[in-house]
Protein backbone atom coordinates (compact mmCIF):
# COMPACT_ATOMS: atom_id res chain seq x y z
CA MET A 1 -14.69 -4.91 3.29
CA THR A 2 -13.49 -8.50 3.99
CA ARG A 3 -12.54 -9.93 0.59
CA LEU A 4 -10.31 -12.70 -0.56
CA PHE A 5 -9.64 -13.19 -4.23
CA LEU A 6 -8.40 -16.79 -5.11
CA ILE A 7 -8.75 -18.61 -8.45
CA ASP A 8 -6.87 -21.46 -10.06
CA ASP A 9 -6.89 -23.84 -13.08
CA ARG A 10 -9.61 -25.82 -11.26
CA THR A 11 -11.89 -22.86 -10.25
CA LEU A 12 -12.01 -20.55 -13.26
CA PRO A 13 -13.72 -17.14 -13.02
CA GLU A 14 -17.12 -16.52 -14.65
CA PRO A 15 -16.91 -15.39 -18.24
CA GLY A 16 -16.79 -11.58 -18.72
CA ALA A 17 -15.24 -8.94 -16.50
CA GLN A 18 -15.24 -8.69 -12.66
CA LEU A 19 -13.94 -5.73 -10.66
CA HIS A 20 -13.19 -6.44 -7.04
CA GLY A 21 -12.80 -3.03 -5.37
CA PHE A 22 -12.86 0.34 -7.08
CA ALA A 23 -10.99 1.96 -9.92
CA TRP A 24 -10.50 5.38 -11.54
CA GLU A 25 -10.67 6.06 -15.24
CA GLY A 26 -10.17 9.75 -15.95
CA ALA A 27 -12.36 11.49 -13.49
CA ASP A 28 -14.89 8.59 -13.39
CA PHE A 29 -15.07 6.42 -10.25
CA VAL A 30 -15.98 2.84 -10.92
CA ILE A 31 -17.14 0.62 -7.98
CA GLY A 32 -17.36 -3.21 -8.18
CA THR A 33 -18.52 -5.47 -11.04
CA GLU A 34 -21.94 -3.83 -11.42
CA GLY A 35 -20.34 -0.42 -11.73
CA LEU A 36 -17.87 -1.83 -14.29
CA ALA A 37 -20.68 -3.29 -16.40
CA ALA A 38 -22.53 0.06 -16.44
CA PHE A 39 -19.31 1.93 -17.23
CA GLU A 40 -18.34 -0.40 -20.13
CA ALA A 41 -21.95 -0.62 -21.60
CA GLY A 42 -21.40 2.63 -23.35
CA GLY A 43 -18.33 1.32 -25.29
CA ARG A 44 -15.57 2.41 -22.86
CA ARG A 45 -13.17 -0.14 -21.38
CA LEU A 46 -11.36 0.04 -18.08
CA PRO A 47 -7.66 -0.30 -18.70
CA TRP A 48 -5.36 -2.64 -16.90
CA SER A 49 -3.50 -1.11 -13.88
CA ALA A 50 -5.97 1.74 -13.41
CA ASP A 51 -5.68 3.87 -10.33
CA GLY A 52 -7.58 2.77 -7.34
CA ASP A 53 -7.67 -0.37 -5.10
CA HIS A 54 -8.85 -3.28 -6.92
CA VAL A 55 -8.32 -6.68 -8.78
CA LEU A 56 -9.63 -6.77 -12.29
CA VAL A 57 -10.35 -10.10 -14.03
CA ARG A 58 -11.38 -10.55 -17.62
CA ARG A 59 -12.24 -14.04 -19.04
CA GLU A 60 -12.73 -13.50 -22.75
CA GLY A 61 -12.35 -16.03 -25.54
CA GLY A 62 -9.96 -18.75 -24.55
CA GLY A 63 -7.91 -16.56 -22.12
CA ILE A 64 -8.00 -15.02 -18.68
CA GLY A 65 -6.39 -11.72 -17.73
CA ILE A 66 -5.80 -10.71 -14.10
CA GLY A 67 -4.43 -7.41 -12.86
CA ALA A 68 -4.35 -5.09 -9.87
CA ASP A 69 -4.49 -1.33 -9.35
CA PHE A 70 -1.60 0.77 -10.64
CA ALA A 71 0.20 1.00 -7.20
CA GLY A 72 -0.36 -2.70 -6.43
CA CYS A 73 -2.10 -2.00 -3.13
CA ARG A 74 -4.05 -5.13 -3.91
CA HIS A 75 -1.17 -7.70 -3.78
CA LEU A 76 -1.53 -10.53 -6.19
CA PHE A 77 0.49 -13.62 -5.39
CA TYR A 78 0.83 -16.39 -8.04
CA TRP A 79 2.12 -19.88 -8.59
CA SER A 80 2.43 -21.86 -11.83
CA GLU A 81 3.84 -25.15 -12.88
CA GLY A 82 3.30 -26.06 -16.50
CA ARG A 83 -0.38 -25.58 -17.27
CA ASP A 84 -1.36 -25.49 -13.60
CA TRP A 85 -1.60 -22.19 -11.89
CA ALA A 86 -3.20 -20.30 -8.95
CA VAL A 87 -3.57 -16.54 -8.13
CA CYS A 88 -4.55 -15.14 -4.72
CA GLU A 89 -4.38 -11.79 -2.96
CA SER A 90 -3.29 -13.49 0.22
CA PHE A 91 0.12 -15.09 0.50
CA ILE A 92 -0.66 -17.39 3.42
CA ASP A 93 -4.03 -18.50 1.97
CA LEU A 94 -2.36 -19.33 -1.31
CA VAL A 95 0.16 -21.42 0.53
CA ALA A 96 -2.65 -23.28 2.36
CA HIS A 97 -4.57 -23.71 -0.86
CA LEU A 98 -1.63 -25.24 -2.70
CA ARG A 99 -0.73 -27.53 0.19
CA GLY A 100 -4.37 -28.67 0.15
CA ARG A 101 -3.83 -29.57 -3.48
CA GLY A 102 -0.75 -31.55 -2.56
CA VAL A 103 1.68 -29.09 -4.15
CA ALA A 104 5.26 -29.39 -2.79
CA LEU A 105 6.45 -26.06 -1.51
CA HIS A 106 9.87 -24.96 -0.14
CA GLU A 107 10.79 -22.08 2.05
CA ASP A 108 12.99 -19.33 0.58
CA ILE A 109 15.21 -18.60 3.49
CA ALA A 110 16.59 -15.57 1.67
CA GLN A 111 13.21 -13.90 2.05
CA THR A 112 12.33 -15.14 5.56
CA GLY A 113 15.76 -13.88 6.50
CA ALA A 114 14.75 -10.46 5.14
CA PHE A 115 11.90 -10.43 7.65
CA LEU A 116 14.49 -11.13 10.41
CA SER A 117 16.29 -7.90 9.59
CA ARG A 118 16.68 -4.40 11.02
CA LYS A 119 15.43 -1.09 9.43
CA GLN A 120 12.15 0.06 8.06
CA LEU A 121 13.11 -1.07 4.58
CA PHE A 122 12.69 -4.73 5.69
CA GLN A 123 9.21 -4.27 7.16
CA GLN A 124 7.56 -5.47 3.91
CA LEU A 125 8.48 -7.65 1.00
CA THR A 126 11.67 -6.23 -0.56
CA THR A 127 11.32 -7.98 -3.93
CA ASP A 128 8.77 -10.01 -5.98
CA ARG A 129 10.10 -13.11 -4.24
CA THR A 130 8.29 -14.43 -1.19
CA ALA A 131 8.95 -16.71 1.76
CA VAL A 132 8.03 -19.68 -0.43
CA ARG A 133 10.23 -20.25 -3.52
CA GLU A 134 7.45 -21.35 -5.75
CA ILE A 135 5.29 -18.24 -5.07
CA ALA A 136 5.92 -14.77 -6.35
CA CYS A 137 4.24 -11.39 -5.79
CA LEU A 138 3.16 -9.58 -8.88
CA ASP A 139 5.07 -6.35 -9.64
CA ALA A 140 3.07 -3.18 -9.34
CA GLY A 141 1.80 -2.36 -12.79
CA ALA A 142 2.23 -5.90 -14.20
CA ARG A 143 -0.62 -8.27 -15.11
CA ILE A 144 -1.13 -11.88 -15.59
CA GLU A 145 -2.42 -13.61 -18.81
CA ILE A 146 -3.42 -17.21 -18.76
CA GLY A 147 -3.83 -19.24 -21.96
CA PRO A 148 -3.71 -22.87 -23.08
CA ASP A 149 0.04 -23.06 -22.19
CA GLY A 150 -0.33 -21.71 -18.63
CA LEU A 151 0.44 -18.44 -16.87
CA VAL A 152 2.56 -15.56 -18.27
CA VAL A 153 3.46 -12.25 -16.56
CA ILE A 154 3.12 -9.12 -18.66
CA PRO A 155 5.49 -6.40 -17.43
CA PRO A 156 4.33 -2.86 -16.72
CA ASP A 157 4.16 -0.31 -19.45
CA PRO A 158 7.15 2.12 -19.72
CA VAL A 159 6.78 5.59 -18.29
CA PRO A 160 6.54 8.12 -21.02
CA ALA A 161 8.93 11.10 -21.11
CA GLU A 162 7.27 14.54 -20.91
CA ASP A 163 7.75 18.04 -19.62
CA TYR A 164 7.65 18.59 -15.85
CA ALA A 165 5.29 21.62 -16.03
CA ALA A 166 2.95 19.62 -18.24
CA ALA A 167 3.07 16.62 -15.98
CA LEU A 168 2.39 18.78 -12.97
CA ASP A 169 -0.65 20.33 -14.80
CA ALA A 170 -1.92 16.83 -15.48
CA PHE A 171 -1.49 15.57 -11.97
CA ILE A 172 -3.26 18.60 -10.43
CA ALA A 173 -6.06 18.57 -13.00
CA THR A 174 -6.64 14.81 -12.56
CA TRP A 175 -7.03 14.96 -8.85
CA LEU A 176 -8.99 18.20 -8.59
CA SER A 177 -11.44 16.62 -11.00
CA ARG A 178 -11.55 13.28 -9.16
CA MET A 179 -12.15 15.02 -5.81
CA ALA A 180 -14.89 17.13 -7.47
CA THR A 181 -16.49 13.85 -8.73
CA LEU A 182 -16.76 12.47 -5.19
CA ARG A 183 -17.86 15.83 -3.73
CA ALA A 184 -20.84 15.75 -6.00
CA ALA A 185 -21.90 12.24 -5.08
CA PRO A 186 -24.77 12.38 -2.60
CA ASP A 187 -23.98 9.13 -0.74
CA LEU A 188 -20.30 9.61 -0.35
CA ALA A 189 -18.21 11.55 2.12
CA LEU A 190 -14.58 12.67 1.86
CA HIS A 191 -12.15 12.73 4.71
CA VAL A 192 -8.74 14.26 4.00
CA HIS A 193 -6.35 13.23 6.72
CA LEU A 194 -3.92 15.88 7.89
CA SER A 195 -0.83 15.45 10.11
CA GLY A 196 2.42 17.45 10.64
CA GLY A 197 4.08 15.80 7.62
CA PHE A 198 4.36 16.67 4.04
CA ASP A 199 2.33 13.99 2.19
CA SER A 200 -0.93 14.78 3.89
CA ARG A 201 -0.43 18.59 3.60
CA ALA A 202 -0.03 18.30 -0.16
CA VAL A 203 -3.17 16.14 -0.38
CA ALA A 204 -5.10 18.68 1.80
CA ALA A 205 -4.10 21.48 -0.62
CA PHE A 206 -6.45 19.94 -3.25
CA HIS A 207 -9.31 20.26 -0.78
CA VAL A 208 -8.37 23.78 0.10
CA TRP A 209 -8.36 24.87 -3.59
CA LEU A 210 -11.71 23.21 -4.19
CA GLU A 211 -13.26 24.92 -1.10
CA ARG A 212 -12.06 28.29 -2.33
CA ASN A 213 -12.84 28.00 -5.98
CA GLU A 214 -15.74 25.55 -6.23
CA GLY A 215 -17.63 26.35 -3.07
CA SER A 216 -17.83 24.68 0.36
CA CYS A 217 -18.94 21.09 0.49
CA GLU A 218 -20.50 19.72 3.74
CA SER A 219 -19.58 16.12 2.80
CA ALA A 220 -15.89 16.93 2.45
CA SER A 221 -13.76 17.51 5.56
CA VAL A 222 -10.23 17.66 6.83
CA ARG A 223 -9.48 15.38 9.78
CA SER A 224 -6.62 15.16 12.24
CA LEU A 225 -6.17 12.65 14.99
CA THR A 226 -6.95 14.06 18.45
CA ASP A 227 -5.51 11.46 20.86
CA ALA A 228 -2.52 12.21 23.13
CA ARG A 229 -0.06 10.38 20.87
CA HIS A 230 -0.80 12.72 17.97
CA ALA A 231 -0.87 16.02 19.89
CA ASP A 232 1.96 17.52 17.86
CA ASP A 233 0.33 16.57 14.56
CA LEU A 234 -2.95 18.17 15.71
CA LYS A 235 -1.29 21.44 16.71
CA ILE A 236 0.22 21.77 13.19
CA ALA A 237 -3.06 20.69 11.58
CA GLU A 238 -4.88 23.48 13.54
CA GLU A 239 -2.36 26.05 12.36
CA ILE A 240 -2.75 24.85 8.78
CA ALA A 241 -6.50 25.10 9.05
CA ALA A 242 -6.31 28.61 10.49
CA ALA A 243 -3.94 29.78 7.77
CA SER A 244 -6.11 28.29 5.05
CA GLY A 245 -9.48 29.16 6.36
CA ILE A 246 -10.78 25.58 6.49
CA ARG A 247 -12.68 23.72 9.09
CA LEU A 248 -11.03 20.91 10.98
CA ASN A 249 -12.71 17.72 12.26
CA HIS A 250 -16.22 19.02 11.57
CA ASN A 251 -17.59 15.91 9.88
CA PRO A 252 -16.85 12.66 11.64
CA PRO A 253 -16.94 9.40 9.69
CA ARG A 254 -20.01 7.19 9.82
CA PRO A 255 -20.03 4.42 12.38
CA GLY A 256 -18.25 1.26 11.27
CA ARG A 257 -18.72 -2.38 12.07
CA ALA A 258 -16.70 -3.95 14.95
CA LEU A 259 -15.04 -7.22 14.11
CA SER A 260 -15.11 -10.39 16.17
CA LEU A 261 -11.71 -11.72 17.32
CA GLU A 262 -11.70 -14.37 14.57
CA GLU A 263 -12.68 -11.82 11.86
CA ALA A 264 -9.87 -9.50 12.96
CA LEU A 265 -7.22 -12.19 13.01
CA THR A 266 -8.47 -13.57 9.61
CA SER A 267 -8.23 -10.11 8.09
CA TRP A 268 -4.72 -9.79 9.40
CA ARG A 269 -3.71 -13.18 8.06
CA HIS A 270 -5.23 -12.44 4.63
CA HIS A 271 -3.55 -9.14 4.03
CA SER A 272 -0.36 -8.94 6.15
CA ALA A 273 1.07 -12.45 6.87
CA GLY A 274 4.11 -12.90 4.67
CA ALA A 275 3.90 -9.41 3.19
CA TYR A 276 3.98 -6.75 5.96
CA THR A 277 5.58 -7.14 9.34
CA PRO A 278 4.11 -4.30 11.61
CA VAL A 279 1.24 -5.91 13.46
CA ARG A 280 -1.81 -3.85 12.67
CA VAL A 281 -4.83 -6.00 13.31
CA PRO A 282 -8.00 -4.19 12.39
CA ALA A 283 -10.63 -3.93 15.15
CA SER A 284 -13.39 -2.67 12.83
CA PHE A 285 -14.27 -1.99 9.17
CA GLY A 286 -15.25 1.51 8.25
CA ASP A 287 -18.32 2.37 6.23
CA PRO A 288 -17.09 2.08 2.54
CA ARG A 289 -19.08 5.27 1.65
CA ASP A 290 -16.50 7.22 3.66
CA VAL A 291 -13.55 7.91 1.22
CA HIS A 292 -10.34 8.59 3.06
CA PHE A 293 -7.70 10.59 1.18
CA SER A 294 -4.17 10.18 2.50
CA GLY A 295 -0.51 10.68 1.61
CA HIS A 296 1.40 7.50 2.21
CA ALA A 297 4.01 8.65 -0.31
CA SER A 298 7.24 7.62 1.47
CA SER A 299 10.78 8.87 0.64
CA GLY A 300 10.60 8.14 -3.12
CA TYR A 301 8.88 11.48 -3.75
CA LYS A 302 10.57 13.50 -0.97
CA TYR A 303 14.12 12.94 -2.16
CA THR A 304 15.91 12.21 -5.44
CA PHE A 305 18.80 9.80 -5.74
CA ASP A 306 21.70 9.42 -8.09
CA ASP A 307 23.29 6.10 -8.78
CA ALA A 308 25.96 6.49 -6.15
CA ALA A 309 23.54 7.47 -3.38
CA ALA A 310 21.33 4.49 -4.31
CA ARG A 311 24.33 2.12 -4.09
CA ARG A 312 25.31 3.46 -0.69
CA THR A 313 21.74 3.01 0.66
CA ILE A 314 21.60 -0.48 -0.69
CA ARG A 315 24.85 -1.36 0.96
CA ARG A 316 23.63 -0.09 4.32
CA MET A 317 20.44 -2.07 3.78
CA GLU A 318 22.47 -5.18 3.12
CA ARG A 319 24.40 -4.75 6.33
CA ALA A 320 21.15 -4.85 8.28
CA TYR A 321 19.99 -8.06 6.64
CA GLY A 322 19.42 -11.11 8.86
CA TYR A 323 20.18 -9.23 12.16
CA PHE A 324 17.65 -11.29 14.13
CA GLY A 325 18.15 -14.71 12.50
CA ARG A 326 19.45 -16.92 9.71
CA GLY A 327 18.95 -16.03 6.06
CA ASP A 328 20.82 -16.16 2.79
CA ARG A 329 22.21 -12.74 2.15
CA PRO A 330 23.82 -13.46 -1.32
CA ARG A 331 20.56 -14.92 -2.71
CA TRP A 332 18.53 -11.99 -1.22
CA ARG A 333 20.90 -9.47 -2.77
CA SER A 334 20.59 -11.23 -6.13
CA ALA A 335 16.76 -11.07 -5.90
CA LEU A 336 16.95 -7.40 -5.06
CA GLU A 337 19.30 -6.59 -7.91
CA ALA A 338 16.97 -8.42 -10.34
CA HIS A 339 14.00 -6.44 -9.05
CA LEU A 340 15.82 -3.13 -9.28
CA GLY A 341 17.10 -4.09 -12.75
CA ARG A 342 13.47 -4.33 -14.00
CA LEU A 343 12.77 -0.86 -12.39
CA GLU A 344 15.94 0.57 -13.97
CA GLU A 345 14.74 -0.58 -17.39
CA ARG A 346 11.60 1.48 -16.87
CA THR A 347 13.11 4.54 -15.26
CA GLY A 348 16.40 4.88 -17.00
CA SER A 349 18.89 4.82 -14.02
CA LEU A 350 19.55 3.05 -10.71
CA GLY A 351 19.04 6.28 -8.81
CA ARG A 352 15.52 6.61 -10.24
CA ALA A 353 14.85 2.87 -9.84
CA TRP A 354 15.72 3.14 -6.18
CA GLY A 355 13.41 6.17 -5.74
CA CYS A 356 10.62 4.18 -7.37
CA TRP A 357 11.40 1.16 -5.10
CA GLN A 358 11.27 3.49 -2.04
CA ARG A 359 7.75 4.80 -2.82
CA VAL A 360 6.29 1.61 -4.38
CA ASN A 361 7.47 -1.23 -2.21
CA ARG A 362 6.96 0.62 1.04
CA ALA A 363 3.62 2.22 0.11
CA ARG A 364 1.90 -0.75 -1.58
CA PHE A 365 2.17 -2.80 1.61
CA HIS A 366 1.90 0.02 4.22
CA ALA A 367 -0.88 1.95 2.55
CA GLY A 368 -2.32 -1.25 1.14
CA GLN A 369 -2.79 -2.61 4.65
CA ALA A 370 -4.91 0.40 5.68
CA ALA A 371 -6.98 -0.03 2.57
CA THR A 372 -8.23 -3.41 3.77
CA TYR A 373 -10.48 -1.91 6.40
CA LYS A 374 -11.53 1.39 4.87
CA THR A 375 -11.97 3.00 1.40
CA GLN A 376 -8.64 4.76 0.91
CA VAL A 377 -7.45 6.89 -1.99
CA ALA A 378 -3.64 7.64 -1.96
CA ILE A 379 -3.17 10.20 -4.71
CA PHE A 380 0.61 9.95 -4.88
CA HIS A 381 0.27 6.26 -5.78
CA SER A 382 -1.29 7.01 -9.10
CA ARG A 383 -0.21 6.96 -12.74
CA SER A 384 -0.24 10.74 -12.98
CA ALA A 385 2.00 10.97 -9.90
CA SER A 386 4.36 8.42 -11.38
CA ARG A 387 4.55 10.44 -14.57
CA LEU A 388 5.17 13.59 -12.55
CA ASP A 389 8.05 11.95 -10.69
CA ALA A 390 9.61 10.67 -13.98
CA ALA A 391 9.45 14.20 -15.46
CA ARG A 392 11.22 16.00 -12.64
CA ARG A 393 14.84 17.00 -13.08
CA PRO A 394 17.51 14.77 -11.61
CA LEU A 395 18.78 15.64 -8.10
CA THR A 396 16.26 18.46 -7.43
CA ALA A 397 16.15 19.85 -3.84
CA ASP A 398 14.54 17.66 -1.25
CA PHE A 399 10.75 18.14 -1.00
CA GLN A 400 10.75 20.23 -4.21
CA LEU A 401 7.86 18.32 -5.77
CA TYR A 402 5.62 18.86 -2.74
CA HIS A 403 6.34 22.53 -2.59
CA ASP A 404 5.52 22.91 -6.31
CA ILE A 405 2.10 21.37 -5.53
CA LEU A 406 1.56 23.54 -2.49
CA ALA A 407 2.64 26.74 -4.36
CA SER A 408 0.16 25.97 -7.09
CA LEU A 409 -2.80 25.12 -4.93
CA ALA A 410 -2.55 26.77 -1.51
CA PRO A 411 0.82 28.73 -1.13
CA GLU A 412 0.06 29.76 2.41
CA MET A 413 0.44 26.13 3.51
CA MET A 414 4.17 26.36 2.62
CA GLU A 415 4.65 28.85 5.42
CA VAL A 416 3.15 26.90 8.25
CA PRO A 417 5.83 25.08 10.31
CA PHE A 418 6.28 21.38 9.61
CA ASP A 419 7.08 18.55 11.99
CA ASP A 420 10.60 18.72 10.73
CA ALA A 421 12.38 22.07 10.06
CA ALA A 422 14.28 20.49 7.13
CA LYS A 423 10.95 20.31 5.22
CA ALA A 424 10.51 24.05 5.15
CA PRO A 425 11.23 25.74 1.78
CA GLY A 426 14.77 27.11 1.64
CA GLU A 427 16.21 29.51 -0.82
CA ALA A 428 16.98 26.59 -3.36
CA VAL A 429 13.47 25.34 -3.23
CA ARG A 430 11.92 28.83 -3.67
CA ALA A 431 14.27 29.66 -6.54
CA ALA A 432 13.27 26.53 -8.41
CA LEU A 433 9.52 26.58 -7.74
CA THR A 434 7.23 25.58 -10.61
CA VAL A 435 3.96 27.34 -10.00
CA ARG A 436 0.88 26.47 -12.08
CA GLN A 437 -2.54 28.00 -12.35
CA PRO A 438 -5.05 25.14 -12.11
CA ALA A 439 -7.84 24.99 -14.67
CA PRO A 440 -11.38 24.46 -13.33
CA PRO A 441 -12.00 20.78 -12.58
CA VAL A 442 -14.16 18.62 -14.87
CA PRO A 443 -15.94 16.19 -12.67
CA GLY A 444 -16.71 12.71 -13.88
CA ARG A 445 -19.39 10.22 -12.74
CA VAL A 446 -19.72 7.56 -10.09
CA TRP A 447 -20.54 4.15 -11.52
CA GLY A 448 -21.96 1.64 -9.04
CA ALA A 449 -22.31 1.96 -5.34
CA PHE A 450 -20.76 0.77 -2.11
CA GLU A 451 -22.90 -1.44 0.12
CA PRO A 452 -23.37 0.52 3.42
CA ALA A 453 -21.83 -0.98 6.51
CA GLN A 454 -23.95 -2.56 9.18
CA PRO A 455 -22.76 -0.65 12.18
CA GLY A 456 -22.63 -2.21 15.56
CA GLY A 457 -20.52 -3.79 18.25
CA THR A 458 -17.65 -2.48 20.41
CA PRO A 459 -14.17 -2.74 18.74
CA LEU A 460 -11.75 -5.04 20.54
CA SER A 461 -8.80 -3.33 22.24
CA ARG A 462 -5.32 -3.46 20.72
CA SER A 463 -4.08 -5.40 23.70
CA LYS A 464 -6.73 -8.13 23.26
CA LEU A 465 -5.93 -8.49 19.56
CA ALA A 466 -2.16 -8.59 20.28
CA ARG A 467 -2.74 -11.18 22.98
CA ALA A 468 -4.69 -13.40 20.61
CA LEU A 469 -1.84 -13.30 18.04
CA LEU A 470 0.71 -13.99 20.78
CA ASP A 471 -1.32 -16.97 21.89
CA GLU A 472 -1.08 -18.38 18.34
CA VAL A 473 2.69 -17.87 18.40
CA ASP A 474 3.08 -19.53 21.83
CA ALA A 475 0.86 -22.46 20.95
CA GLY A 476 3.05 -23.18 17.85
CA TRP A 477 6.43 -22.29 19.34
CA SER A 478 7.66 -25.90 19.06
CA ASP A 479 7.17 -25.78 15.29
CA LEU A 480 9.58 -22.87 14.99
CA PRO A 481 12.50 -24.21 12.85
CA ARG A 482 15.58 -24.97 14.98
CA ARG A 483 18.49 -22.57 15.20
CA ARG A 484 16.72 -20.14 13.03
CA VAL A 485 16.44 -16.99 15.26
CA THR A 486 19.03 -15.31 17.47
CA LEU A 487 19.02 -14.93 21.24
CA LEU A 488 18.29 -11.22 20.72
CA PHE A 489 15.10 -12.24 18.72
CA ARG A 490 14.00 -14.50 21.51
CA TRP A 491 14.62 -11.74 24.04
CA HIS A 492 12.40 -9.41 22.03
CA ILE A 493 9.67 -12.04 21.93
CA ALA A 494 9.95 -12.60 25.70
CA ARG A 495 9.79 -8.79 26.27
CA LEU A 496 6.72 -8.61 23.99
CA ARG A 497 5.11 -11.52 25.88
CA ARG A 498 5.50 -9.77 29.25
CA ARG A 499 4.07 -6.47 28.01
CA ILE A 500 1.17 -7.93 26.07
CA ARG A 501 0.13 -10.28 28.84
CA ALA A 502 0.16 -7.28 31.22
CA GLY A 503 -2.29 -5.59 28.90
CA ARG A 504 0.12 -3.14 27.26
CA ALA A 505 0.16 -3.59 23.48
CA PRO A 506 3.26 -1.93 22.01
CA HIS A 507 3.35 0.07 18.80
CA ALA A 508 2.67 -2.01 15.67
CA VAL A 509 6.29 -1.77 14.50
CA LYS A 510 7.63 -2.97 17.85
CA MET A 511 5.43 -6.06 17.44
CA ARG A 512 6.88 -6.95 14.05
CA HIS A 513 8.81 -9.89 15.58
CA LEU A 514 5.51 -11.59 16.31
CA HIS A 515 4.86 -11.60 12.54
CA SER A 516 8.21 -13.18 11.78
CA ALA A 517 7.78 -15.94 14.45
CA TRP A 518 4.14 -16.55 13.38
CA LEU A 519 5.12 -16.83 9.72
CA LEU A 520 7.88 -19.35 10.26
CA ILE A 521 5.66 -21.39 12.49
CA ARG A 522 2.72 -21.33 10.19
CA LEU A 523 4.73 -22.29 7.08
CA SER A 524 6.17 -25.27 9.06
CA GLN A 525 2.67 -26.32 10.23
CA LEU A 526 1.37 -26.12 6.58
CA GLY A 527 3.97 -28.61 5.55
CA VAL A 528 6.31 -26.27 3.66
CA ARG A 529 9.70 -27.77 3.40
CA MET A 530 11.74 -25.55 5.74
CA ASP A 531 15.42 -24.77 5.31
CA GLY A 532 18.03 -25.39 7.98
CA PRO A 533 19.17 -27.96 10.52
CA GLY A 534 16.74 -30.69 11.42
CA GLN A 535 14.41 -29.80 8.58
CA GLU A 536 15.37 -32.56 6.17
């Protein structure tokens, strides 16, 4: 599953179409370039920004088109200057590539300052701007067109207005049919992940409906983590399984392939450095034939926001900016306002734009990171889910959308306690329920095939992976720009150093300061012009 997409004006793609990853079109599941060729041989054409996890490239005539999946889980970073351009799915590899070409690059301290901030909202890129001024991250749903005059960004299509009940019907029908497609594929296995939260419960409801109405499928299972840290989640999952009559953890995933230390760190650099701060270094790659269904929906679906609530949240976010080091708050705020302005044009209000930002920006980097080491399908980060969100009434009760899905597919799942009592359906939610009767699914076809993993090896421990990253930070500490981080940041690094060298790797979020230090050091080492004292 290691993959790095990088092309520029000097290394053009082959003529024709290439699909890196997998995509959905209707209920059809398209895997890789060979699958795309077979799918399009009959006259159909995979659209831009299809659901899935992929990069799509088309070189036709005198132009080149490049786009990612609808949710932007495959992140595309791009640079252009006149007729020169480069596009890569890795921020830090694009920086290294451009410096190798002799391109002058400059740090954007407004964005590195964002990584030196408090709150979960800053644990990933907050706008399309990156830590380097000349490099941008393509908005989810947008695409790139390259012609004789250079690179142009084509913005996402507007979200159509439609009736909420009809949008709910379409969302349910789409994903019942897609699950049915994979359940019928002899070489694929489905793993629906279930915790105590809401996102995964709504996803599991699709599996429950299919088991009851289409028959049991041995290759489809519901899984819940069984380690001590997830004991509470497992208890709730067991209660859900008992209430719904489904089996839990009966079909384990196939063995994966353990990564060497260098492979693991390379994967982290490719997909997280400069984009996502929690330090989750993969120890192994799963077998791609195991398809993992998950929630990863974030607050953008759980809650609705009016304009005033959005402004309050943004003000709180702004106060947390630059807590651990220097930045440029006014320029960061300007970039965020520009980013939200584009979302507002598509959604119609700042409140809806903020809800879209909550689910897209968080999920595309959080869920997108997990998709780098396993085949992952996040149904709430799809076109039909986006249309469902756009169709719901303003300021509906919290969690209303999820309860509408549960009530339509497996209503008994609404009554099992959640990990937070506030998620239980109250009177307002029950009075406003939209309950639909799903139509029988219409399965599609799988085009192409995943290459099986070559299992083997023993995965490295989290502490060993963390220590290797810490070693890189310590080795380059003298390259950290002067007077950039606070004493509190240095204290956190020292505390992490003691714990990691003692063999105790903290949670990924608690190690996020390693990412911030590593990024500043690496940009300096690559010759990026850094901002601040002594960097002239």
